Amino acid sequence: MAVDYSVIGERIKSARKACNMTQDNLSEKMGVSIAFLSRIERGSSQINLKRLSQICEILGISEGELLNGSSNNSSVYLDSEFADLLEGCSSEQQRLIYDIAKVIANKN
């Protein structure tokens, strides 16, 4: 699966705005130019793991929220991923996956 940097950039932008932070504020805290941050938010520049982690720390969000759109702590964590997985399965496979998940869930 290819990384869609424009989606990640949009999530960064949304998280930044949710923190009432401007590009100027965030770029200053990161030690980068506004132009660089703008390219990241537009998806025209790839972001490395160091910068991703730095942004997450500043904005108080997890890497999963930026990369997957959901947090491990969210009640809808992996909902869309499971839906996508099940969509490509036959009804027999779906039933098997359900039975396995039910056994695992009952162990906790």
PDB file of N, CA and C in Angstrom:
ATOM      1  N   MET A   1       0.844  -1.170   0.000  1.00  0.00           N
ATOM      2  CA  MET A   1       0.000   0.000   0.000  1.00  0.00           C
ATOM      3  C   MET A   1       0.894   1.240   0.000  1.00  0.00           C
ATOM      4  N   ALA A   2       0.650   2.139  -0.933  1.00  0.00           N
ATOM      5  CA  ALA A   2       1.431   3.366  -1.052  1.00  0.00           C
ATOM      6  C   ALA A   2       0.964   4.387  -0.022  1.00  0.00           C
ATOM      7  N   VAL A   3       1.897   5.199   0.414  1.00  0.00           N
ATOM      8  CA  VAL A   3       1.586   6.249   1.378  1.00  0.00           C
ATOM      9  C   VAL A   3       1.024   7.453   0.617  1.00  0.00           C
ATOM     10  N   ASP A   4      -0.125   7.933   1.051  1.00  0.00           N
ATOM     11  CA  ASP A   4      -0.741   9.110   0.437  1.00  0.00           C
ATOM     12  C   ASP A   4      -0.393  10.326   1.295  1.00  0.00           C
ATOM     13  N   TYR A   5       0.624  11.040   0.893  1.00  0.00           N
ATOM     14  CA  TYR A   5       1.110  12.177   1.676  1.00  0.00           C
ATOM     15  C   TYR A   5       0.117  13.328   1.715  1.00  0.00           C
ATOM     16  N   SER A   6      -0.754  13.427   0.722  1.00  0.00           N
ATOM     17  CA  SER A   6      -1.756  14.499   0.752  1.00  0.00           C
ATOM     18  C   SER A   6      -2.781  14.244   1.853  1.00  0.00           C
ATOM     19  N   VAL A   7      -3.127  12.981   2.095  1.00  0.00           N
ATOM     20  CA  VAL A   7      -4.057  12.644   3.179  1.00  0.00           C
ATOM     21  C   VAL A   7      -3.397  12.918   4.525  1.00  0.00           C
ATOM     22  N   ILE A   8      -2.146  12.519   4.668  1.00  0.00           N
ATOM     23  CA  ILE A   8      -1.415  12.775   5.916  1.00  0.00           C
ATOM     24  C   ILE A   8      -1.309  14.279   6.147  1.00  0.00           C
ATOM     25  N   GLY A   9      -1.005  15.018   5.095  1.00  0.00           N
ATOM     26  CA  GLY A   9      -0.904  16.471   5.205  1.00  0.00           C
ATOM     27  C   GLY A   9      -2.213  17.106   5.632  1.00  0.00           C
ATOM     28  N   GLU A  10      -3.306  16.616   5.093  1.00  0.00           N
ATOM     29  CA  GLU A  10      -4.624  17.137   5.473  1.00  0.00           C
ATOM     30  C   GLU A  10      -4.924  16.841   6.941  1.00  0.00           C
ATOM     31  N   ARG A  11      -4.516  15.667   7.405  1.00  0.00           N
ATOM     32  CA  ARG A  11      -4.713  15.323   8.821  1.00  0.00           C
ATOM     33  C   ARG A  11      -3.859  16.209   9.724  1.00  0.00           C
ATOM     34  N   ILE A  12      -2.645  16.509   9.289  1.00  0.00           N
ATOM     35  CA  ILE A  12      -1.783  17.414  10.052  1.00  0.00           C
ATOM     36  C   ILE A  12      -2.437  18.793  10.135  1.00  0.00           C
ATOM     37  N   LYS A  13      -2.916  19.260   9.008  1.00  0.00           N
ATOM     38  CA  LYS A  13      -3.567  20.567   8.961  1.00  0.00           C
ATOM     39  C   LYS A  13      -4.781  20.611   9.884  1.00  0.00           C
ATOM     40  N   SER A  14      -5.603  19.576   9.842  1.00  0.00           N
ATOM     41  CA  SER A  14      -6.796  19.515  10.697  1.00  0.00           C
ATOM     42  C   SER A  14      -6.419  19.492  12.171  1.00  0.00           C
ATOM     43  N   ALA A  15      -5.400  18.691  12.516  1.00  0.00           N
ATOM     44  CA  ALA A  15      -4.951  18.610  13.911  1.00  0.00           C
ATOM     45  C   ALA A  15      -4.371  19.944  14.370  1.00  0.00           C
ATOM     46  N   ARG A  16      -3.645  20.604  13.485  1.00  0.00           N
ATOM     47  CA  ARG A  16      -3.072  21.911  13.819  1.00  0.00           C
ATOM     48  C   ARG A  16      -4.177  22.918  14.093  1.00  0.00           C
ATOM     49  N   LYS A  17      -5.177  22.932  13.226  1.00  0.00           N
ATOM     50  CA  LYS A  17      -6.294  23.862  13.403  1.00  0.00           C
ATOM     51  C   LYS A  17      -7.107  23.531  14.655  1.00  0.00           C
ATOM     52  N   ALA A  18      -7.241  22.246  14.964  1.00  0.00           N
ATOM     53  CA  ALA A  18      -7.960  21.834  16.174  1.00  0.00           C
ATOM     54  C   ALA A  18      -7.259  22.344  17.427  1.00  0.00           C
ATOM     55  N   CYS A  19      -5.953  22.554  17.331  1.00  0.00           N
ATOM     56  CA  CYS A  19      -5.164  23.104  18.451  1.00  0.00           C
ATOM     57  C   CYS A  19      -5.094  24.626  18.379  1.00  0.00           C
ATOM     58  N   ASN A  20      -5.875  25.233  17.471  1.00  0.00           N
ATOM     59  CA  ASN A  20      -5.862  26.691  17.270  1.00  0.00           C
ATOM     60  C   ASN A  20      -4.452  27.209  17.030  1.00  0.00           C
ATOM     61  N   MET A  21      -3.724  26.476  16.198  1.00  0.00           N
ATOM     62  CA  MET A  21      -2.343  26.833  15.904  1.00  0.00           C
ATOM     63  C   MET A  21      -2.232  27.218  14.430  1.00  0.00           C
ATOM     64  N   THR A  22      -1.479  28.255  14.162  1.00  0.00           N
ATOM     65  CA  THR A  22      -1.236  28.668  12.783  1.00  0.00           C
ATOM     66  C   THR A  22      -0.039  27.899  12.225  1.00  0.00           C
ATOM     67  N   GLN A  23       0.126  27.967  10.919  1.00  0.00           N
ATOM     68  CA  GLN A  23       1.314  27.375  10.310  1.00  0.00           C
ATOM     69  C   GLN A  23       2.564  28.035  10.863  1.00  0.00           C
ATOM     70  N   ASP A  24       2.484  29.318  11.091  1.00  0.00           N
ATOM     71  CA  ASP A  24       3.627  30.052  11.639  1.00  0.00           C
ATOM     72  C   ASP A  24       4.001  29.504  13.016  1.00  0.00           C
ATOM     73  N   ASN A  25       2.986  29.287  13.890  1.00  0.00           N
ATOM     74  CA  ASN A  25       3.254  28.751  15.234  1.00  0.00           C
ATOM     75  C   ASN A  25       3.897  27.377  15.165  1.00  0.00           C
ATOM     76  N   LEU A  26       3.295  26.476  14.373  1.00  0.00           N
ATOM     77  CA  LEU A  26       3.793  25.102  14.293  1.00  0.00           C
ATOM     78  C   LEU A  26       5.178  25.049  13.667  1.00  0.00           C
ATOM     79  N   SER A  27       5.375  25.799  12.586  1.00  0.00           N
ATOM     80  CA  SER A  27       6.692  25.774  11.928  1.00  0.00           C
ATOM     81  C   SER A  27       7.772  26.309  12.871  1.00  0.00           C
ATOM     82  N   GLU A  28       7.427  27.307  13.670  1.00  0.00           N
ATOM     83  CA  GLU A  28       8.388  27.855  14.627  1.00  0.00           C
ATOM     84  C   GLU A  28       8.753  26.808  15.679  1.00  0.00           C
ATOM     85  N   LYS A  29       7.760  26.087  16.208  1.00  0.00           N
ATOM     86  CA  LYS A  29       8.017  25.059  17.215  1.00  0.00           C
ATOM     87  C   LYS A  29       8.834  23.903  16.639  1.00  0.00           C
ATOM     88  N   MET A  30       8.635  23.642  15.337  1.00  0.00           N
ATOM     89  CA  MET A  30       9.369  22.567  14.674  1.00  0.00           C
ATOM     90  C   MET A  30      10.767  22.989  14.243  1.00  0.00           C
ATOM     91  N   GLY A  31      10.981  24.284  14.110  1.00  0.00           N
ATOM     92  CA  GLY A  31      12.261  24.767  13.610  1.00  0.00           C
ATOM     93  C   GLY A  31      12.403  24.617  12.109  1.00  0.00           C
ATOM     94  N   VAL A  32      11.278  24.749  11.399  1.00  0.00           N
ATOM     95  CA  VAL A  32      11.281  24.657   9.936  1.00  0.00           C
ATOM     96  C   VAL A  32      10.609  25.905   9.367  1.00  0.00           C
ATOM     97  N   SER A  33      10.725  26.083   8.070  1.00  0.00           N
ATOM     98  CA  SER A  33      10.092  27.240   7.434  1.00  0.00           C
ATOM     99  C   SER A  33       8.597  26.994   7.254  1.00  0.00           C
ATOM    100  N   ILE A  34       7.853  28.081   7.153  1.00  0.00           N
ATOM    101  CA  ILE A  34       6.416  27.980   6.881  1.00  0.00           C
ATOM    102  C   ILE A  34       6.204  27.311   5.521  1.00  0.00           C
ATOM    103  N   ALA A  35       7.060  27.626   4.572  1.00  0.00           N
ATOM    104  CA  ALA A  35       6.940  27.050   3.228  1.00  0.00           C
ATOM    105  C   ALA A  35       7.066  25.524   3.277  1.00  0.00           C
ATOM    106  N   PHE A  36       8.001  25.031   4.086  1.00  0.00           N
ATOM    107  CA  PHE A  36       8.180  23.585   4.218  1.00  0.00           C
ATOM    108  C   PHE A  36       6.946  22.945   4.845  1.00  0.00           C
ATOM    109  N   LEU A  37       6.434  23.543   5.913  1.00  0.00           N
ATOM    110  CA  LEU A  37       5.233  23.013   6.553  1.00  0.00           C
ATOM    111  C   LEU A  37       4.048  23.051   5.596  1.00  0.00           C
ATOM    112  N   SER A  38       3.943  24.112   4.833  1.00  0.00           N
ATOM    113  CA  SER A  38       2.869  24.228   3.848  1.00  0.00           C
ATOM    114  C   SER A  38       2.944  23.106   2.813  1.00  0.00           C
ATOM    115  N   ARG A  39       4.145  22.789   2.357  1.00  0.00           N
ATOM    116  CA  ARG A  39       4.319  21.688   1.391  1.00  0.00           C
ATOM    117  C   ARG A  39       3.922  20.349   2.019  1.00  0.00           C
ATOM    118  N   ILE A  40       4.246  20.154   3.293  1.00  0.00           N
ATOM    119  CA  ILE A  40       3.855  18.921   3.989  1.00  0.00           C
ATOM    120  C   ILE A  40       2.331  18.830   4.060  1.00  0.00           C
ATOM    121  N   GLU A  41       1.685  19.922   4.447  1.00  0.00           N
ATOM    122  CA  GLU A  41       0.226  19.918   4.574  1.00  0.00           C
ATOM    123  C   GLU A  41      -0.474  19.727   3.235  1.00  0.00           C
ATOM    124  N   ARG A  42       0.136  20.174   2.159  1.00  0.00           N
ATOM    125  CA  ARG A  42      -0.437  19.974   0.823  1.00  0.00           C
ATOM    126  C   ARG A  42      -0.120  18.588   0.259  1.00  0.00           C
ATOM    127  N   GLY A  43       0.846  17.911   0.878  1.00  0.00           N
ATOM    128  CA  GLY A  43       1.242  16.595   0.399  1.00  0.00           C
ATOM    129  C   GLY A  43       2.253  16.640  -0.712  1.00  0.00           C
ATOM    130  N   SER A  44       2.795  17.816  -1.002  1.00  0.00           N
ATOM    131  CA  SER A  44       3.783  17.921  -2.075  1.00  0.00           C
ATOM    132  C   SER A  44       5.200  17.649  -1.588  1.00  0.00           C
ATOM    133  N   SER A  45       5.356  17.524  -0.266  1.00  0.00           N
ATOM    134  CA  SER A  45       6.637  17.148   0.332  1.00  0.00           C
ATOM    135  C   SER A  45       6.410  15.943   1.224  1.00  0.00           C
ATOM    136  N   GLN A  46       7.289  14.974   1.115  1.00  0.00           N
ATOM    137  CA  GLN A  46       7.176  13.796   1.976  1.00  0.00           C
ATOM    138  C   GLN A  46       7.687  14.139   3.362  1.00  0.00           C
ATOM    139  N   ILE A  47       7.067  13.547   4.376  1.00  0.00           N
ATOM    140  CA  ILE A  47       7.469  13.802   5.752  1.00  0.00           C
ATOM    141  C   ILE A  47       8.199  12.569   6.277  1.00  0.00           C
ATOM    142  N   ASN A  48       9.320  12.787   6.947  1.00  0.00           N
ATOM    143  CA  ASN A  48      10.049  11.652   7.502  1.00  0.00           C
ATOM    144  C   ASN A  48       9.532  11.344   8.911  1.00  0.00           C
ATOM    145  N   LEU A  49       9.945  10.224   9.459  1.00  0.00           N
ATOM    146  CA  LEU A  49       9.436   9.781  10.758  1.00  0.00           C
ATOM    147  C   LEU A  49       9.805  10.733  11.889  1.00  0.00           C
ATOM    148  N   LYS A  50      10.986  11.330  11.804  1.00  0.00           N
ATOM    149  CA  LYS A  50      11.410  12.278  12.835  1.00  0.00           C
ATOM    150  C   LYS A  50      10.458  13.471  12.875  1.00  0.00           C
ATOM    151  N   ARG A  51      10.148  14.030  11.734  1.00  0.00           N
ATOM    152  CA  ARG A  51       9.243  15.183  11.665  1.00  0.00           C
ATOM    153  C   ARG A  51       7.818  14.779  12.046  1.00  0.00           C
ATOM    154  N   LEU A  52       7.397  13.605  11.622  1.00  0.00           N
ATOM    155  CA  LEU A  52       6.064  13.126  11.968  1.00  0.00           C
ATOM    156  C   LEU A  52       5.919  13.009  13.480  1.00  0.00           C
ATOM    157  N   SER A  53       6.913  12.429  14.109  1.00  0.00           N
ATOM    158  CA  SER A  53       6.906  12.268  15.558  1.00  0.00           C
ATOM    159  C   SER A  53       6.921  13.628  16.253  1.00  0.00           C
ATOM    160  N   GLN A  54       7.703  14.546  15.723  1.00  0.00           N
ATOM    161  CA  GLN A  54       7.791  15.892  16.279  1.00  0.00           C
ATOM    162  C   GLN A  54       6.425  16.595  16.208  1.00  0.00           C
ATOM    163  N   ILE A  55       5.769  16.494  15.079  1.00  0.00           N
ATOM    164  CA  ILE A  55       4.447  17.109  14.917  1.00  0.00           C
ATOM    165  C   ILE A  55       3.455  16.493  15.894  1.00  0.00           C
ATOM    166  N   CYS A  56       3.494  15.182  16.024  1.00  0.00           N
ATOM    167  CA  CYS A  56       2.582  14.494  16.940  1.00  0.00           C
ATOM    168  C   CYS A  56       2.790  14.962  18.377  1.00  0.00           C
ATOM    169  N   GLU A  57       4.035  15.106  18.768  1.00  0.00           N
ATOM    170  CA  GLU A  57       4.337  15.556  20.130  1.00  0.00           C
ATOM    171  C   GLU A  57       3.829  16.977  20.354  1.00  0.00           C
ATOM    172  N   ILE A  58       4.050  17.851  19.398  1.00  0.00           N
ATOM    173  CA  ILE A  58       3.620  19.248  19.524  1.00  0.00           C
ATOM    174  C   ILE A  58       2.103  19.352  19.562  1.00  0.00           C
ATOM    175  N   LEU A  59       1.426  18.576  18.701  1.00  0.00           N
ATOM    176  CA  LEU A  59      -0.034  18.666  18.604  1.00  0.00           C
ATOM    177  C   LEU A  59      -0.761  17.748  19.590  1.00  0.00           C
ATOM    178  N   GLY A  60      -0.001  16.900  20.280  1.00  0.00           N
ATOM    179  CA  GLY A  60      -0.604  16.017  21.272  1.00  0.00           C
ATOM    180  C   GLY A  60      -1.484  14.933  20.677  1.00  0.00           C
ATOM    181  N   ILE A  61      -1.049  14.376  19.538  1.00  0.00           N
ATOM    182  CA  ILE A  61      -1.791  13.297  18.891  1.00  0.00           C
ATOM    183  C   ILE A  61      -0.848  12.123  18.620  1.00  0.00           C
ATOM    184  N   SER A  62      -1.414  10.989  18.275  1.00  0.00           N
ATOM    185  CA  SER A  62      -0.587   9.816  17.998  1.00  0.00           C
ATOM    186  C   SER A  62      -0.224   9.748  16.512  1.00  0.00           C
ATOM    187  N   GLU A  63       0.842   9.021  16.243  1.00  0.00           N
ATOM    188  CA  GLU A  63       1.241   8.796  14.850  1.00  0.00           C
ATOM    189  C   GLU A  63       0.133   8.073  14.097  1.00  0.00           C
ATOM    190  N   GLY A  64      -0.556   7.163  14.789  1.00  0.00           N
ATOM    191  CA  GLY A  64      -1.660   6.427  14.168  1.00  0.00           C
ATOM    192  C   GLY A  64      -2.764   7.329  13.663  1.00  0.00           C
ATOM    193  N   GLU A  65      -3.026   8.400  14.400  1.00  0.00           N
ATOM    194  CA  GLU A  65      -4.060   9.341  13.974  1.00  0.00           C
ATOM    195  C   GLU A  65      -3.679  10.004  12.656  1.00  0.00           C
ATOM    196  N   LEU A  66      -2.403  10.323  12.492  1.00  0.00           N
ATOM    197  CA  LEU A  66      -1.972  10.960  11.250  1.00  0.00           C
ATOM    198  C   LEU A  66      -1.851   9.961  10.109  1.00  0.00           C
ATOM    199  N   LEU A  67      -1.345   8.771  10.409  1.00  0.00           N
ATOM    200  CA  LEU A  67      -1.120   7.791   9.348  1.00  0.00           C
ATOM    201  C   LEU A  67      -2.389   7.034   8.961  1.00  0.00           C
ATOM    202  N   ASN A  68      -3.201   6.683   9.950  1.00  0.00           N
ATOM    203  CA  ASN A  68      -4.383   5.858   9.690  1.00  0.00           C
ATOM    204  C   ASN A  68      -5.700   6.602   9.825  1.00  0.00           C
ATOM    205  N   GLY A  69      -5.648   7.769  10.425  1.00  0.00           N
ATOM    206  CA  GLY A  69      -6.872   8.527  10.628  1.00  0.00           C
ATOM    207  C   GLY A  69      -7.615   8.138  11.887  1.00  0.00           C
ATOM    208  N   SER A  70      -7.033   7.247  12.686  1.00  0.00           N
ATOM    209  CA  SER A  70      -7.678   6.864  13.946  1.00  0.00           C
ATOM    210  C   SER A  70      -6.623   6.578  14.990  1.00  0.00           C
ATOM    211  N   SER A  71      -7.030   6.733  16.215  1.00  0.00           N
ATOM    212  CA  SER A  71      -6.141   6.498  17.345  1.00  0.00           C
ATOM    213  C   SER A  71      -6.392   5.119  17.922  1.00  0.00           C
ATOM    214  N   ASN A  72      -5.364   4.512  18.493  1.00  0.00           N
ATOM    215  CA  ASN A  72      -5.516   3.217  19.156  1.00  0.00           C
ATOM    216  C   ASN A  72      -6.529   3.307  20.292  1.00  0.00           C
ATOM    217  N   ASN A  73      -6.702   4.491  20.836  1.00  0.00           N
ATOM    218  CA  ASN A  73      -7.613   4.688  21.958  1.00  0.00           C
ATOM    219  C   ASN A  73      -9.036   4.983  21.501  1.00  0.00           C
ATOM    220  N   SER A  74      -9.233   5.160  20.219  1.00  0.00           N
ATOM    221  CA  SER A  74     -10.540   5.496  19.684  1.00  0.00           C
ATOM    222  C   SER A  74     -11.460   4.279  19.681  1.00  0.00           C
ATOM    223  N   SER A  75     -12.756   4.544  19.866  1.00  0.00           N
ATOM    224  CA  SER A  75     -13.720   3.445  19.850  1.00  0.00           C
ATOM    225  C   SER A  75     -13.921   2.897  18.438  1.00  0.00           C
ATOM    226  N   VAL A  76     -13.517   3.637  17.425  1.00  0.00           N
ATOM    227  CA  VAL A  76     -13.670   3.181  16.038  1.00  0.00           C
ATOM    228  C   VAL A  76     -12.336   2.759  15.429  1.00  0.00           C
ATOM    229  N   TYR A  77     -11.352   2.487  16.292  1.00  0.00           N
ATOM    230  CA  TYR A  77     -10.033   2.078  15.825  1.00  0.00           C
ATOM    231  C   TYR A  77     -10.150   0.857  14.927  1.00  0.00           C
ATOM    232  N   LEU A  78      -9.644   0.936  13.737  1.00  0.00           N
ATOM    233  CA  LEU A  78      -9.604  -0.118  12.722  1.00  0.00           C
ATOM    234  C   LEU A  78     -10.968  -0.502  12.144  1.00  0.00           C
ATOM    235  N   ASP A  79     -12.029   0.235  12.447  1.00  0.00           N
ATOM    236  CA  ASP A  79     -13.340  -0.103  11.886  1.00  0.00           C
ATOM    237  C   ASP A  79     -13.310  -0.149  10.361  1.00  0.00           C
ATOM    238  N   SER A  80     -12.767   0.885   9.746  1.00  0.00           N
ATOM    239  CA  SER A  80     -12.761   0.911   8.280  1.00  0.00           C
ATOM    240  C   SER A  80     -11.820  -0.142   7.712  1.00  0.00           C
ATOM    241  N   GLU A  81     -10.714  -0.427   8.424  1.00  0.00           N
ATOM    242  CA  GLU A  81      -9.792  -1.455   7.963  1.00  0.00           C
ATOM    243  C   GLU A  81     -10.455  -2.831   7.984  1.00  0.00           C
ATOM    244  N   PHE A  82     -11.210  -3.110   9.064  1.00  0.00           N
ATOM    245  CA  PHE A  82     -11.932  -4.385   9.127  1.00  0.00           C
ATOM    246  C   PHE A  82     -13.002  -4.457   8.040  1.00  0.00           C
ATOM    247  N   ALA A  83     -13.694  -3.361   7.825  1.00  0.00           N
ATOM    248  CA  ALA A  83     -14.732  -3.337   6.784  1.00  0.00           C
ATOM    249  C   ALA A  83     -14.116  -3.617   5.412  1.00  0.00           C
ATOM    250  N   ASP A  84     -12.978  -3.002   5.127  1.00  0.00           N
ATOM    251  CA  ASP A  84     -12.290  -3.231   3.849  1.00  0.00           C
ATOM    252  C   ASP A  84     -11.836  -4.684   3.721  1.00  0.00           C
ATOM    253  N   LEU A  85     -11.315  -5.229   4.813  1.00  0.00           N
ATOM    254  CA  LEU A  85     -10.856  -6.614   4.817  1.00  0.00           C
ATOM    255  C   LEU A  85     -12.017  -7.563   4.539  1.00  0.00           C
ATOM    256  N   LEU A  86     -13.110  -7.360   5.230  1.00  0.00           N
ATOM    257  CA  LEU A  86     -14.267  -8.251   5.089  1.00  0.00           C
ATOM    258  C   LEU A  86     -14.917  -8.135   3.720  1.00  0.00           C
ATOM    259  N   GLU A  87     -14.864  -6.955   3.140  1.00  0.00           N
ATOM    260  CA  GLU A  87     -15.474  -6.733   1.830  1.00  0.00           C
ATOM    261  C   GLU A  87     -14.903  -7.666   0.769  1.00  0.00           C
ATOM    262  N   GLY A  88     -13.614  -7.966   0.898  1.00  0.00           N
ATOM    263  CA  GLY A  88     -12.960  -8.816  -0.091  1.00  0.00           C
ATOM    264  C   GLY A  88     -13.048 -10.303   0.213  1.00  0.00           C
ATOM    265  N   CYS A  89     -13.795 -10.677   1.242  1.00  0.00           N
ATOM    266  CA  CYS A  89     -13.883 -12.079   1.651  1.00  0.00           C
ATOM    267  C   CYS A  89     -15.237 -12.684   1.290  1.00  0.00           C
ATOM    268  N   SER A  90     -15.214 -13.974   1.095  1.00  0.00           N
ATOM    269  CA  SER A  90     -16.474 -14.685   0.869  1.00  0.00           C
ATOM    270  C   SER A  90     -17.243 -14.744   2.183  1.00  0.00           C
ATOM    271  N   SER A  91     -18.516 -15.140   2.127  1.00  0.00           N
ATOM    272  CA  SER A  91     -19.309 -15.226   3.353  1.00  0.00           C
ATOM    273  C   SER A  91     -18.741 -16.282   4.300  1.00  0.00           C
ATOM    274  N   GLU A  92     -18.157 -17.347   3.754  1.00  0.00           N
ATOM    275  CA  GLU A  92     -17.538 -18.366   4.601  1.00  0.00           C
ATOM    276  C   GLU A  92     -16.316 -17.803   5.318  1.00  0.00           C
ATOM    277  N   GLN A  93     -15.502 -17.034   4.605  1.00  0.00           N
ATOM    278  CA  GLN A  93     -14.325 -16.417   5.202  1.00  0.00           C
ATOM    279  C   GLN A  93     -14.735 -15.392   6.267  1.00  0.00           C
ATOM    280  N   GLN A  94     -15.766 -14.627   5.970  1.00  0.00           N
ATOM    281  CA  GLN A  94     -16.256 -13.650   6.938  1.00  0.00           C
ATOM    282  C   GLN A  94     -16.709 -14.340   8.221  1.00  0.00           C
ATOM    283  N   ARG A  95     -17.396 -15.449   8.080  1.00  0.00           N
ATOM    284  CA  ARG A  95     -17.868 -16.193   9.251  1.00  0.00           C
ATOM    285  C   ARG A  95     -16.689 -16.717  10.065  1.00  0.00           C
ATOM    286  N   LEU A  96     -15.666 -17.224   9.395  1.00  0.00           N
ATOM    287  CA  LEU A  96     -14.472 -17.726  10.075  1.00  0.00           C
ATOM    288  C   LEU A  96     -13.762 -16.589  10.835  1.00  0.00           C
ATOM    289  N   ILE A  97     -13.625 -15.453  10.177  1.00  0.00           N
ATOM    290  CA  ILE A  97     -13.002 -14.292  10.825  1.00  0.00           C
ATOM    291  C   ILE A  97     -13.822 -13.875  12.044  1.00  0.00           C
ATOM    292  N   TYR A  98     -15.122 -13.842  11.908  1.00  0.00           N
ATOM    293  CA  TYR A  98     -15.999 -13.491  13.028  1.00  0.00           C
ATOM    294  C   TYR A  98     -15.826 -14.475  14.182  1.00  0.00           C
ATOM    295  N   ASP A  99     -15.814 -15.774  13.871  1.00  0.00           N
ATOM    296  CA  ASP A  99     -15.678 -16.788  14.920  1.00  0.00           C
ATOM    297  C   ASP A  99     -14.340 -16.659  15.650  1.00  0.00           C
ATOM    298  N   ILE A 100     -13.275 -16.404  14.906  1.00  0.00           N
ATOM    299  CA  ILE A 100     -11.954 -16.235  15.514  1.00  0.00           C
ATOM    300  C   ILE A 100     -11.937 -14.984  16.397  1.00  0.00           C
ATOM    301  N   ALA A 101     -12.478 -13.874  15.886  1.00  0.00           N
ATOM    302  CA  ALA A 101     -12.509 -12.637  16.648  1.00  0.00           C
ATOM    303  C   ALA A 101     -13.346 -12.807  17.921  1.00  0.00           C
ATOM    304  N   LYS A 102     -14.421 -13.544  17.828  1.00  0.00           N
ATOM    305  CA  LYS A 102     -15.293 -13.781  18.988  1.00  0.00           C
ATOM    306  C   LYS A 102     -14.550 -14.554  20.071  1.00  0.00           C
ATOM    307  N   VAL A 103     -13.778 -15.566  19.677  1.00  0.00           N
ATOM    308  CA  VAL A 103     -12.991 -16.345  20.633  1.00  0.00           C
ATOM    309  C   VAL A 103     -11.959 -15.441  21.310  1.00  0.00           C
ATOM    310  N   ILE A 104     -11.276 -14.619  20.521  1.00  0.00           N
ATOM    311  CA  ILE A 104     -10.257 -13.723  21.084  1.00  0.00           C
ATOM    312  C   ILE A 104     -10.898 -12.700  22.017  1.00  0.00           C
ATOM    313  N   ALA A 105     -12.005 -12.127  21.634  1.00  0.00           N
ATOM    314  CA  ALA A 105     -12.678 -11.123  22.456  1.00  0.00           C
ATOM    315  C   ALA A 105     -13.189 -11.698  23.764  1.00  0.00           C
ATOM    316  N   ASN A 106     -13.600 -12.942  23.760  1.00  0.00           N
ATOM    317  CA  ASN A 106     -14.099 -13.573  24.986  1.00  0.00           C
ATOM    318  C   ASN A 106     -12.988 -13.944  25.950  1.00  0.00           C
ATOM    319  N   LYS A 107     -11.747 -13.981  25.479  1.00  0.00           N
ATOM    320  CA  LYS A 107     -10.611 -14.319  26.348  1.00  0.00           C
ATOM    321  C   LYS A 107     -10.257 -13.160  27.261  1.00  0.00           C
ATOM    322  N   ASN A 108     -10.649 -11.947  26.889  1.00  0.00           N
ATOM    323  CA  ASN A 108     -10.284 -10.761  27.694  1.00  0.00           C
ATOM    324  C   ASN A 108     -11.271 -10.518  28.772  1.00  0.00           C
TER     325      ASN A 108
END
